């Protein structure tokens, strides 16, 4: 548990200019946040935090 507190977890996704300026960018970005939810849930549970 203490080792987990000292770690940094980073998930990244680069967006091109066309994607970032596109009309569907919010929905596109929201999809990637949903994909990261299991990792965030696991980390939160391991640290005893709400998710």
Protein backbone atom coordinates (compact mmCIF):
# COMPACT_ATOMS: atom_id res chain seq x y z
CA UNK A 1 0.00 0.00 0.00
CA UNK A 2 2.70 2.51 0.92
CA UNK A 3 4.51 1.74 -2.33
CA UNK A 4 1.35 2.57 -4.26
CA UNK A 5 1.18 5.99 -2.58
CA UNK A 6 4.65 6.84 -3.87
CA UNK A 7 3.86 6.01 -7.50
CA UNK A 8 2.56 8.21 -10.28
CA UNK A 9 0.20 6.77 -12.83
CA UNK A 10 -0.20 8.66 -16.08
CA UNK A 11 -2.41 7.84 -19.03
CA UNK A 12 -1.97 10.00 -22.09
CA UNK A 13 -3.55 10.32 -25.50
CA UNK A 14 -2.35 12.90 -28.00
CA UNK A 15 -4.95 14.63 -30.14
CA UNK A 16 -4.19 16.14 -33.50
CA UNK A 17 -5.32 19.66 -34.31
CA UNK A 18 -8.18 18.33 -36.38
CA UNK A 19 -9.41 16.13 -33.53
CA UNK A 20 -9.09 18.85 -30.91
CA UNK A 21 -10.91 21.36 -33.08
CA UNK A 22 -13.57 18.89 -34.21
CA UNK A 23 -17.22 19.19 -33.27
CA UNK A 24 -17.13 15.78 -31.55
CA UNK A 25 -14.02 16.42 -29.43
CA UNK A 26 -15.90 16.41 -26.09
CA UNK A 27 -17.44 13.03 -26.84
CA UNK A 28 -14.10 11.69 -28.13
CA UNK A 29 -12.25 12.83 -24.99
CA UNK A 30 -15.03 11.53 -22.72
CA UNK A 31 -14.59 8.09 -24.29
CA UNK A 32 -10.93 8.05 -23.34
CA UNK A 33 -11.76 9.11 -19.78
CA UNK A 34 -14.23 6.20 -19.60
CA UNK A 35 -11.49 3.83 -20.75
CA UNK A 36 -9.25 5.04 -17.90
CA UNK A 37 -11.98 4.55 -15.28
CA UNK A 38 -11.00 0.96 -14.35
CA UNK A 39 -7.43 2.07 -13.53
CA UNK A 40 -8.70 5.00 -11.47
CA UNK A 41 -11.18 2.75 -9.67
CA UNK A 42 -8.46 0.21 -8.86
CA UNK A 43 -6.09 2.87 -7.49
CA UNK A 44 -8.86 4.48 -5.45
CA UNK A 45 -9.94 1.14 -3.98
CA UNK A 46 -6.35 0.17 -3.15
CA UNK A 47 -5.90 3.46 -1.28
CA UNK A 48 -9.29 3.24 0.43
CA UNK A 49 -10.62 6.28 -1.41
CA UNK A 50 -14.05 6.76 -2.98
CA UNK A 51 -14.34 6.62 -6.74
